[in-house]
Amino acid sequence: MKTILCLILSLGMAGLVLAEGTIAETKNEIGVPNKYTFAWTASTNGIVSEDTTFYVRGEIQRVVLDGTSTGATYSLTLKDLSGVDVLAGLGAGVSTSAVSCIVPGVSVTDSVTTNVIPFVVNDLLTLGVTVAGSNKTGSVILYVK
C-alpha cells in the first residue's frame, strides 16, 4: 500500500517539476483576427516551459516576439499537443535589439514565387523559452484568423 501511495505522489509531483517560469495569458476574440498574448517571465535559469490554459484555434497569420528586456539573444518555441513547433523554427536565435515579427507556416515555392501557407492550430500550446536570462521578461503575440 505504501508503495502504491509513493508511486501516485511521485507521478503527481512529476508534472509540477516540468513547468518553469510563468506566463500570463490574455485573449481578444472580438473581430478578426483574434489576438492571443502570452507575457512570460523566465525562471532563474533563464527558461520558460509552460502550457497555455486555453485553446488557440485557427490559422496563425502573424506572430510578434518581444524579448527586448532580456539583453541577450534567446530562443522560443510554441508547440502544439503533437509536439510540432507552430513557429516553424522561426523563434530560434531571436535578437533582443528590436521587436520581431514573423509569419510561420509551410513554405511553398513554384518556379518564381515562395508563399507561406499558415499553420492551422486547435490545441493548447506549450511556450518554451531558453537562454533568456534570470527572471527576464518578454511576450509573444499571436494573430489568428
Protein backbone atom coordinates (compact mmCIF):
# COMPACT_ATOMS: atom_id res chain seq x y z
CA MET A 1 0.00 0.00 0.00
CA LYS A 2 2.84 2.41 0.86
CA THR A 3 4.50 1.64 -2.48
CA ILE A 4 1.34 2.50 -4.43
CA LEU A 5 0.89 5.74 -2.46
CA CYS A 6 4.52 6.74 -3.12
CA LEU A 7 4.09 5.99 -6.82
CA ILE A 8 0.93 8.11 -7.04
CA LEU A 9 2.60 11.01 -5.22
CA SER A 10 5.70 10.74 -7.43
CA LEU A 11 3.65 10.84 -10.63
CA GLY A 12 1.63 13.78 -9.34
CA MET A 13 4.76 15.75 -8.46
CA ALA A 14 6.40 14.99 -11.83
CA GLY A 15 4.04 17.40 -13.57
CA LEU A 16 4.97 20.15 -11.13
CA VAL A 17 8.68 19.78 -11.80
CA LEU A 18 8.35 20.15 -15.59
CA ALA A 19 6.94 23.69 -15.56
CA GLU A 20 9.46 26.52 -15.32
CA GLY A 21 8.96 30.25 -15.45
CA THR A 22 5.49 31.75 -15.76
CA ILE A 23 3.15 33.06 -18.42
CA ALA A 24 0.21 35.43 -18.17
CA GLU A 25 -2.33 34.99 -20.94
CA THR A 26 -4.86 37.35 -22.47
CA LYS A 27 -7.09 36.87 -25.47
CA ASN A 28 -9.11 39.24 -27.57
CA GLU A 29 -11.59 37.38 -29.74
CA ILE A 30 -13.63 40.43 -30.76
CA GLY A 31 -13.49 40.63 -34.52
CA VAL A 32 -10.92 39.04 -36.80
CA PRO A 33 -8.10 38.33 -36.35
CA ASN A 34 -8.16 37.02 -32.80
CA LYS A 35 -5.25 38.26 -30.67
CA TYR A 36 -3.61 36.00 -28.08
CA THR A 37 -0.89 37.50 -25.85
CA PHE A 38 1.46 35.42 -23.72
CA ALA A 39 3.60 37.54 -21.38
CA TRP A 40 6.39 35.40 -19.97
CA THR A 41 8.88 35.59 -17.12
CA ALA A 42 11.86 33.24 -17.13
CA SER A 43 12.93 31.30 -14.06
CA THR A 44 16.35 31.92 -12.50
CA ASN A 45 17.95 29.62 -15.08
CA GLY A 46 16.54 31.66 -18.00
CA ILE A 47 13.93 29.08 -19.03
CA VAL A 48 10.17 29.15 -19.56
CA SER A 49 8.26 25.92 -20.16
CA GLU A 50 4.58 26.45 -19.53
CA ASP A 51 1.27 25.33 -21.08
CA THR A 52 -1.44 27.75 -22.11
CA THR A 53 -4.74 27.49 -20.27
CA PHE A 54 -6.99 27.99 -23.30
CA TYR A 55 -7.13 26.58 -26.81
CA VAL A 56 -5.79 28.58 -29.73
CA ARG A 57 -7.93 27.88 -32.82
CA GLY A 58 -7.43 28.96 -36.43
CA GLU A 59 -4.66 29.95 -38.89
CA ILE A 60 -1.67 31.74 -37.40
CA GLN A 61 -1.33 34.83 -39.59
CA ARG A 62 1.42 36.70 -37.72
CA VAL A 63 3.48 36.44 -34.54
CA VAL A 64 5.14 39.31 -32.68
CA LEU A 65 8.07 38.44 -30.38
CA ASP A 66 9.27 40.95 -27.78
CA GLY A 67 12.18 39.98 -25.58
CA THR A 68 13.96 43.33 -25.64
CA SER A 69 14.26 43.32 -21.84
CA THR A 70 16.32 40.11 -21.87
CA GLY A 71 19.55 41.73 -23.03
CA ALA A 72 20.58 38.51 -24.76
CA THR A 73 19.69 36.50 -27.83
CA TYR A 74 17.11 33.93 -26.78
CA SER A 75 15.20 31.08 -28.41
CA LEU A 76 11.49 30.41 -28.32
CA THR A 77 9.18 27.58 -29.35
CA LEU A 78 5.40 27.30 -29.30
CA LYS A 79 4.41 23.65 -29.57
CA ASP A 80 1.00 22.09 -30.12
CA LEU A 81 -0.16 18.92 -28.39
CA SER A 82 1.59 16.83 -31.07
CA GLY A 83 4.91 18.49 -30.24
CA VAL A 84 5.07 20.48 -33.50
CA ASP A 85 6.60 23.95 -33.21
CA VAL A 86 3.91 26.16 -34.77
CA LEU A 87 6.56 28.89 -35.17
CA ALA A 88 8.31 26.57 -37.66
CA GLY A 89 11.68 27.18 -36.03
CA LEU A 90 11.48 30.94 -36.61
CA GLY A 91 11.78 31.58 -32.86
CA ALA A 92 15.40 30.33 -32.76
CA GLY A 93 18.10 32.90 -32.03
CA VAL A 94 15.75 35.87 -31.59
CA SER A 95 17.61 39.17 -31.33
CA THR A 96 16.84 41.44 -28.42
CA SER A 97 17.70 44.64 -30.26
CA ALA A 98 14.15 45.03 -31.60
CA VAL A 99 10.67 43.53 -31.56
CA SER A 100 10.44 40.76 -34.17
CA CYS A 101 7.53 39.95 -36.45
CA ILE A 102 7.37 36.52 -38.08
CA VAL A 103 4.91 34.71 -40.35
CA PRO A 104 5.24 30.99 -39.58
CA GLY A 105 3.95 28.29 -41.84
CA VAL A 106 4.89 25.88 -44.58
CA SER A 107 6.85 27.41 -47.46
CA VAL A 108 5.61 26.52 -50.93
CA THR A 109 7.68 27.51 -53.95
CA ASP A 110 6.83 27.38 -57.61
CA SER A 111 9.44 28.32 -60.20
CA VAL A 112 9.18 32.03 -59.36
CA THR A 113 7.44 32.77 -56.06
CA THR A 114 7.65 31.48 -52.50
CA ASN A 115 4.48 31.65 -50.43
CA VAL A 116 3.78 30.63 -46.86
CA ILE A 117 0.75 28.52 -46.02
CA PRO A 118 -0.21 29.38 -42.42
CA PHE A 119 -0.26 26.71 -39.74
CA VAL A 120 -3.71 25.70 -38.55
CA VAL A 121 -3.98 25.10 -34.81
CA ASN A 122 -6.68 23.81 -32.50
CA ASP A 123 -4.74 22.98 -29.35
CA LEU A 124 -3.40 24.05 -26.04
CA LEU A 125 0.13 25.29 -26.71
CA THR A 126 3.37 24.95 -24.75
CA LEU A 127 5.56 28.04 -24.66
CA GLY A 128 9.26 27.28 -24.39
CA VAL A 129 11.93 29.95 -23.93
CA THR A 130 15.62 29.24 -23.42
CA VAL A 131 18.71 31.36 -22.62
CA ALA A 132 16.60 34.42 -21.81
CA GLY A 133 18.46 35.24 -18.60
CA SER A 134 17.46 35.03 -14.96
CA ASN A 135 13.95 36.40 -14.30
CA LYS A 136 13.86 38.21 -17.67
CA THR A 137 10.54 39.00 -19.32
CA GLY A 138 9.07 39.09 -22.80
CA SER A 139 5.92 38.43 -24.76
CA VAL A 140 4.52 36.51 -27.70
CA ILE A 141 1.50 37.87 -29.55
CA LEU A 142 -0.38 35.60 -31.95
CA TYR A 143 -2.78 36.95 -34.57
CA VAL A 144 -5.06 34.10 -35.56
CA LYS A 145 -7.80 34.06 -38.20
